[in-house]
Protein backbone atom coordinates (compact mmCIF):
# COMPACT_ATOMS: atom_id res chain seq x y z
CA MET A 1 0.00 0.00 0.00
CA SER A 2 1.98 3.00 -1.22
CA ASN A 3 -0.68 5.72 -1.51
CA ILE A 4 -0.28 8.01 1.51
CA THR A 5 -3.99 8.87 1.60
CA GLU A 6 -4.94 5.19 1.77
CA ARG A 7 -2.29 4.57 4.44
CA LEU A 8 -3.54 7.49 6.55
CA ASP A 9 -7.14 6.30 6.20
CA ASN A 10 -5.99 2.87 7.34
CA LEU A 11 -4.15 4.48 10.27
CA LYS A 12 -7.35 6.28 11.28
CA ARG A 13 -9.25 2.98 11.26
CA THR A 14 -6.52 1.09 13.12
CA ILE A 15 -6.11 3.55 16.01
CA GLN A 16 -9.79 3.11 16.85
CA GLU A 17 -9.63 -0.69 17.18
CA ASP A 18 -9.83 -2.10 20.70
CA ASP A 19 -7.03 -4.60 20.01
CA PHE A 20 -4.74 -1.76 18.97
CA LEU A 21 -5.63 0.43 21.94
CA GLN A 22 -5.06 -2.48 24.34
CA GLY A 23 -1.79 -3.49 22.69
CA LYS A 24 -2.95 -7.02 21.92
CA GLY A 25 -0.49 -9.12 19.98
CA LEU A 26 2.60 -7.29 21.26
CA SER A 27 3.77 -9.98 23.72
CA ASN A 28 3.75 -7.56 26.67
CA GLU A 29 5.97 -5.06 24.82
CA VAL A 30 5.30 -1.33 25.10
CA ASN A 31 2.66 -0.14 22.66
CA ILE A 32 4.77 2.23 20.57
CA ARG A 33 4.15 2.28 16.82
CA MET A 34 5.94 4.04 14.01
CA PHE A 35 3.99 5.27 11.01
CA CYS A 36 6.81 5.90 8.54
CA TYR A 37 6.36 7.95 5.41
CA ASN A 38 8.41 9.63 2.73
CA VAL A 39 9.32 13.22 3.59
CA LYS A 40 7.75 14.26 0.27
CA GLU A 41 4.40 13.28 1.81
CA GLU A 42 4.79 15.68 4.76
CA MET A 43 2.01 18.05 3.68
CA ALA A 44 -0.50 15.20 3.34
CA VAL A 45 0.43 13.97 6.83
CA ARG A 46 0.08 17.48 8.27
CA TYR A 47 -3.31 17.88 6.60
CA PHE A 48 -4.38 14.54 8.08
CA THR A 49 -3.39 15.49 11.63
CA GLU A 50 -4.91 18.96 11.37
CA HIS A 51 -8.23 17.41 10.37
CA LEU A 52 -8.16 14.44 12.72
CA SER A 53 -10.95 15.23 15.12
CA ASN A 54 -11.95 13.30 18.22
CA ASP A 55 -15.55 13.99 17.16
CA ASP A 56 -15.08 11.60 14.21
CA LEU A 57 -13.34 8.87 16.21
CA THR A 58 -14.43 6.19 18.67
CA CYS A 59 -11.34 6.95 20.77
CA ASN A 60 -9.73 10.10 22.15
CA VAL A 61 -6.42 11.07 20.56
CA GLN A 62 -4.01 13.63 21.95
CA ILE A 63 -1.82 15.06 19.23
CA VAL A 64 1.53 16.49 20.30
CA ASP A 65 3.64 18.40 17.79
CA LEU A 66 7.25 18.19 18.94
CA TYR A 67 8.15 21.54 17.41
CA GLU A 68 5.31 23.24 19.28
CA THR A 69 6.49 21.44 22.42
CA PHE A 70 10.02 22.74 21.81
CA LEU A 71 8.73 26.32 21.48
CA SER A 72 6.68 25.91 24.64
CA ILE A 73 9.74 24.69 26.56
CA CYS A 74 11.70 27.71 25.30
CA GLU A 75 8.86 29.99 26.41
CA ASP A 76 8.79 28.33 29.85
CA LYS A 77 12.51 28.99 30.19
CA ARG A 78 12.00 32.57 28.92
CA ILE A 79 14.56 32.19 26.15
CA LEU A 80 12.38 32.07 23.03
CA ASP A 81 12.70 35.77 22.22
CA ARG A 82 16.46 35.74 22.84
CA ILE A 83 17.32 32.82 20.53
CA PRO A 84 17.98 34.88 17.37
CA GLN A 85 20.33 37.25 19.19
CA LEU A 86 22.13 34.37 20.92
CA GLU A 87 22.65 32.61 17.60
CA GLN A 88 23.96 35.80 16.02
CA ARG A 89 26.34 36.56 18.91
CA LYS A 90 27.49 33.09 19.96
CA GLY A 91 26.77 30.93 16.92
CA LYS A 92 24.73 27.87 16.03
CA ASP A 93 27.04 25.41 17.80
CA PHE A 94 26.68 27.31 21.08
CA LEU A 95 22.89 27.22 20.76
CA GLU A 96 22.88 23.48 20.08
CA ARG A 97 24.99 22.84 23.20
CA GLN A 98 22.62 24.98 25.28
CA PHE A 99 19.57 23.16 23.95
CA GLU A 100 21.18 19.79 24.72
CA LYS A 101 21.25 20.89 28.38
CA THR A 102 17.91 22.67 28.64
CA CYS A 103 15.69 20.90 26.10
CA ASN A 104 16.76 17.28 26.40
CA SER A 105 14.56 14.20 26.06
CA GLU A 106 13.69 14.18 29.77
CA VAL A 107 12.43 17.78 29.57
CA PHE A 108 10.38 16.96 26.45
CA ALA A 109 8.96 13.83 28.08
CA LYS A 110 7.98 15.73 31.24
CA LYS A 111 6.26 18.41 29.19
CA ILE A 112 4.32 15.80 27.20
CA VAL A 113 3.34 13.84 30.31
CA ASP A 114 2.21 17.07 32.02
CA ILE A 115 -0.09 18.04 29.14
CA PHE A 116 -1.42 14.53 28.43
CA VAL A 117 -5.04 14.18 29.49
CA ASP A 118 -5.62 10.80 31.15
CA SER A 119 -9.00 10.39 29.48
CA ASN A 120 -7.22 10.21 26.11
CA ASP A 121 -6.74 6.75 24.66
CA LEU A 122 -3.51 7.38 22.78
CA LEU A 123 -0.72 9.83 22.12
CA LEU A 124 -0.01 10.79 18.50
CA ILE A 125 3.40 12.43 18.04
CA THR A 126 3.99 14.71 15.04
CA GLY A 127 6.62 17.28 14.12
CA VAL A 128 9.58 14.89 14.32
CA GLY A 129 11.27 16.45 11.29
CA LYS A 130 10.44 20.01 12.32
CA VAL A 131 12.18 19.69 15.69
CA PHE A 132 15.36 18.07 14.34
CA PRO A 133 18.19 18.40 15.46
CA PHE A 134 16.97 19.56 18.88
CA MET A 135 15.13 16.36 19.69
CA ARG A 136 15.68 12.81 18.43
CA VAL A 137 12.68 10.53 18.52
CA HIS A 138 14.57 7.49 19.80
CA ALA A 139 15.73 9.42 22.87
CA LEU A 140 12.24 10.83 23.48
CA LEU A 141 10.60 7.40 23.24
CA ASN A 142 13.07 6.01 25.75
CA ALA A 143 12.14 8.83 28.13
CA LEU A 144 8.37 8.46 27.53
CA GLN A 145 7.90 4.71 27.66
CA GLU A 146 7.71 4.37 31.45
CA ASN A 147 4.93 6.99 31.62
CA PHE A 148 2.92 5.55 28.74
CA ASN A 149 3.09 1.83 29.40
CA LYS A 150 -0.72 1.58 29.42
CA LYS A 151 -1.46 3.99 26.55
CA PRO A 152 -0.33 3.53 22.97
CA ILE A 153 2.01 5.99 21.31
CA VAL A 154 1.98 6.49 17.54
CA VAL A 155 4.82 8.44 15.96
CA LEU A 156 4.31 9.97 12.52
CA TYR A 157 7.87 9.56 11.29
CA PRO A 158 9.32 11.12 8.11
CA GLY A 159 11.83 8.38 7.46
CA THR A 160 12.25 4.65 7.95
CA PHE A 161 12.22 2.21 10.82
CA ASP A 162 13.43 -1.34 10.23
CA GLY A 163 12.50 -2.73 13.63
CA HIS A 164 15.89 -1.84 15.12
CA TYR A 165 16.95 1.54 13.74
CA VAL A 166 15.17 4.80 12.94
CA LYS A 167 16.55 6.83 10.06
CA LEU A 168 15.16 10.36 9.83
CA PHE A 169 14.41 11.58 6.30
CA ASN A 170 15.82 8.22 5.20
CA LYS A 171 19.17 10.03 4.87
CA LEU A 172 20.61 10.73 8.30
CA LYS A 173 22.65 8.33 10.41
CA SER A 174 20.43 5.63 11.91
CA ASN A 175 19.74 5.63 15.64
CA GLU A 176 18.99 2.42 17.49
CA TYR A 177 15.49 2.00 18.88
CA TYR A 178 14.11 -1.48 19.17
CA ARG A 179 11.02 -1.10 21.36
CA ALA A 180 8.62 0.14 18.67
CA PHE A 181 6.67 -1.62 15.94
CA ASN A 182 6.00 -0.52 12.39
CA MET A 183 2.42 0.05 11.40
CA ILE A 184 0.70 0.31 8.04
């Protein structure tokens, strides 16, 4: 099934199934799924998530855009407005080092856990490509999995996942992550 619209329609059907929501068939593994797609299909995926409404579903989905989460973390730390000046004065490498300290996977995970509404049935993560290089999905999933062991997580991932390694944009160096499952 290569048509992105068909795959997204199938995703919408799948996330509403009781077996999916309960993680049946995963042999007691964490219920983390990767929906991989070609980066050229990004606009179709964004359209899908923007129009995915809990009113049309039999389950409650909480959508978290990692880039929006990143901006929110920067606002919380009162640095968002200063980023352009810092980059100009100290350089991109300095900023990256600062973000590694202040916006790491643990900070992202805490922010997501804090905003997650318990009545939701699943967490849908978007914006993986938009937040690169500040957050890597494999590190975030490691930080999230203990807090979401009862709720499924679906990551809309612009790249590939072979069951052991995630490769963003299908170009960058692969990062090991073996706890997730491919879907659709």
